[in-house]
């Protein structure tokens, strides 16, 4: 295993620990931009639903699903915006590797919360739109798709294509 301070790394890159942290930070910020936009649009939409006339006609179960969905969306928004605040507060303190690690954790938590928000929102919309017993199966199918795209395929690729030491 190569020492990160000697200019080499296991990935074949020649970069210092600081350069690696800078690169990882830039990559993470690009990833977060995609997720932030989606969660902010979804959360903004969710916030308006309570002010529509139809909301007050919903069954209590649907109102509860809505409240859970809004809370999940709020938590996802916080987690996905958190890395920006984290970086701003610790910027210039020479702890970028640690900031990258914490921002990565917040991003992963945000993705899990976004997964839960999307699933709950889909459940609510399909329940209101169809009142069909098929709804839980449709939601489970979409959840499985999310899990496949967001976690299973990347984990498979990581295992499949990562060189063993």
Protein backbone atom coordinates (compact mmCIF):
# COMPACT_ATOMS: atom_id res chain seq x y z
CA UNK A 1 0.00 0.00 0.00
CA UNK A 2 1.48 3.35 -1.01
CA UNK A 3 1.79 6.22 1.41
CA UNK A 4 -0.50 9.11 0.47
CA UNK A 5 2.17 11.63 1.44
CA UNK A 6 4.74 10.33 -1.05
CA UNK A 7 2.80 11.43 -4.12
CA UNK A 8 1.51 8.01 -5.09
CA UNK A 9 -1.68 6.14 -4.41
CA UNK A 10 -3.30 2.80 -4.97
CA UNK A 11 -5.38 4.23 -7.81
CA UNK A 12 -2.33 4.96 -9.91
CA UNK A 13 -2.76 8.72 -9.48
CA UNK A 14 0.13 10.88 -8.45
CA UNK A 15 -1.42 13.29 -5.99
CA UNK A 16 -0.81 14.49 -2.47
CA UNK A 17 -3.38 13.96 0.27
CA UNK A 18 -4.42 17.59 -0.18
CA UNK A 19 -4.78 17.21 -3.95
CA UNK A 20 -6.81 14.02 -3.45
CA UNK A 21 -9.08 15.81 -0.96
CA UNK A 22 -9.55 18.69 -3.42
CA UNK A 23 -10.44 16.27 -6.21
CA UNK A 24 -12.77 14.26 -4.02
CA UNK A 25 -14.45 17.45 -2.84
CA UNK A 26 -15.06 18.60 -6.42
CA UNK A 27 -16.47 15.19 -7.38
CA UNK A 28 -18.73 15.16 -4.33
CA UNK A 29 -20.04 18.66 -5.00
CA UNK A 30 -20.93 17.71 -8.58
CA UNK A 31 -22.84 14.66 -7.29
CA UNK A 32 -24.63 16.71 -4.64
CA UNK A 33 -25.78 19.29 -7.21
CA UNK A 34 -27.90 16.67 -8.96
CA UNK A 35 -29.47 15.34 -5.78
CA UNK A 36 -29.97 18.82 -4.27
CA UNK A 37 -31.92 20.05 -7.25
CA UNK A 38 -34.24 17.06 -7.22
CA UNK A 39 -34.87 17.11 -3.49
CA UNK A 40 -35.46 20.88 -3.43
CA UNK A 41 -38.02 20.70 -6.23
CA UNK A 42 -39.79 17.75 -4.61
CA UNK A 43 -39.75 19.37 -1.18
CA UNK A 44 -41.03 22.66 -2.55
CA UNK A 45 -43.90 20.88 -4.26
CA UNK A 46 -44.71 18.94 -1.10
CA UNK A 47 -44.90 22.14 0.91
CA UNK A 48 -47.66 23.50 -1.34
CA UNK A 49 -49.94 20.44 -1.16
CA UNK A 50 -51.32 21.29 2.27
CA UNK A 51 -52.73 24.54 0.88
CA UNK A 52 -54.87 22.87 -1.79
CA UNK A 53 -58.59 22.24 -1.24
CA UNK A 54 -58.21 18.51 -1.90
CA UNK A 55 -55.80 18.10 1.01
CA UNK A 56 -58.53 18.74 3.56
CA UNK A 57 -60.65 15.98 2.02
CA UNK A 58 -57.93 13.34 2.40
CA UNK A 59 -58.36 10.43 4.77
CA UNK A 60 -56.32 10.64 7.96
CA UNK A 61 -54.02 7.86 6.73
CA UNK A 62 -53.17 9.89 3.63
CA UNK A 63 -52.60 13.01 5.73
CA UNK A 64 -50.23 11.02 7.93
CA UNK A 65 -48.35 9.73 4.88
CA UNK A 66 -48.13 13.33 3.67
CA UNK A 67 -46.72 14.56 6.99
CA UNK A 68 -44.14 11.76 7.06
CA UNK A 69 -43.22 12.56 3.45
CA UNK A 70 -42.75 16.27 4.20
CA UNK A 71 -40.58 15.50 7.23
CA UNK A 72 -38.49 13.04 5.18
CA UNK A 73 -38.13 15.66 2.42
CA UNK A 74 -37.05 18.24 4.95
CA UNK A 75 -34.47 15.87 6.42
CA UNK A 76 -33.18 14.96 2.95
CA UNK A 77 -32.88 18.64 2.05
CA UNK A 78 -30.91 19.31 5.23
CA UNK A 79 -28.56 16.38 4.68
CA UNK A 80 -27.91 17.25 1.03
CA UNK A 81 -27.32 20.95 1.72
CA UNK A 82 -25.27 20.12 4.82
CA UNK A 83 -21.99 19.52 2.97
CA UNK A 84 -22.08 23.07 1.59
CA UNK A 85 -22.52 24.56 5.06
CA UNK A 86 -19.91 22.18 6.45
CA UNK A 87 -17.39 23.26 3.83
CA UNK A 88 -18.14 26.94 4.35
CA UNK A 89 -17.67 26.70 8.12
CA UNK A 90 -14.42 24.69 8.03
CA UNK A 91 -12.94 26.29 4.90
CA UNK A 92 -9.35 27.40 5.43
CA UNK A 93 -8.86 25.27 8.54
CA UNK A 94 -6.72 22.67 6.73
CA UNK A 95 -9.10 19.79 7.42
CA UNK A 96 -10.32 19.13 3.91
CA UNK A 97 -9.85 15.32 4.08
CA UNK A 98 -12.03 15.25 7.18
CA UNK A 99 -14.53 17.64 5.58
CA UNK A 100 -14.75 15.37 2.53
CA UNK A 101 -15.40 12.37 4.76
CA UNK A 102 -18.17 14.12 6.70
CA UNK A 103 -19.70 15.61 3.55
CA UNK A 104 -19.71 12.15 2.00
CA UNK A 105 -21.55 10.75 5.03
CA UNK A 106 -24.11 13.55 4.91
CA UNK A 107 -24.61 12.95 1.20
CA UNK A 108 -25.18 9.24 1.70
CA UNK A 109 -27.67 9.96 4.49
CA UNK A 110 -29.36 12.48 2.19
CA UNK A 111 -29.65 9.88 -0.56
CA UNK A 112 -31.25 7.40 1.85
CA UNK A 113 -33.68 10.09 3.01
CA UNK A 114 -34.39 11.07 -0.61
CA UNK A 115 -35.13 7.42 -1.35
CA UNK A 116 -37.61 7.35 1.53
CA UNK A 117 -39.14 10.69 0.45
CA UNK A 118 -39.64 9.58 -3.16
CA UNK A 119 -41.13 6.28 -2.04
CA UNK A 120 -43.52 7.90 0.43
CA UNK A 121 -44.54 10.58 -2.10
CA UNK A 122 -45.25 7.90 -4.70
CA UNK A 123 -47.30 5.95 -2.18
CA UNK A 124 -49.37 9.01 -1.34
CA UNK A 125 -49.97 10.03 -4.95
CA UNK A 126 -50.93 6.54 -6.06
CA UNK A 127 -53.23 6.04 -3.05
CA UNK A 128 -55.05 9.29 -3.81
CA UNK A 129 -55.08 8.77 -7.56
CA UNK A 130 -56.20 5.15 -7.72
CA UNK A 131 -57.49 3.79 -4.38
CA UNK A 132 -56.34 0.45 -5.77
CA UNK A 133 -55.02 -2.56 -3.86
CA UNK A 134 -52.24 -2.72 -6.44
CA UNK A 135 -50.64 0.48 -5.07
CA UNK A 136 -48.34 -1.18 -2.49
CA UNK A 137 -47.06 -3.55 -5.18
CA UNK A 138 -46.39 -0.68 -7.59
CA UNK A 139 -44.57 1.26 -4.89
CA UNK A 140 -42.56 -1.83 -3.93
CA UNK A 141 -41.58 -2.28 -7.59
CA UNK A 142 -40.45 1.32 -7.91
CA UNK A 143 -38.58 1.07 -4.60
CA UNK A 144 -36.82 -2.03 -5.91
CA UNK A 145 -35.87 -0.07 -9.04
CA UNK A 146 -34.48 2.80 -6.93
CA UNK A 147 -32.49 0.33 -4.83
CA UNK A 148 -31.15 -1.37 -7.95
CA UNK A 149 -30.10 1.89 -9.62
CA UNK A 150 -28.83 3.74 -6.56
CA UNK A 151 -27.21 0.98 -4.53
CA UNK A 152 -27.16 -2.54 -5.98
CA UNK A 153 -25.52 -1.70 -9.33
CA UNK A 154 -22.87 0.60 -7.83
CA UNK A 155 -22.05 -1.92 -5.10
CA UNK A 156 -21.89 -4.72 -7.68
CA UNK A 157 -19.57 -2.63 -9.88
CA UNK A 158 -17.43 -1.74 -6.88
CA UNK A 159 -17.03 -5.40 -5.96
CA UNK A 160 -16.66 -6.59 -9.56
CA UNK A 161 -14.15 -4.01 -10.78
CA UNK A 162 -12.15 -3.15 -7.67
CA UNK A 163 -8.76 -4.81 -7.72
CA UNK A 164 -8.05 -7.08 -4.80
CA UNK A 165 -4.93 -6.30 -2.76
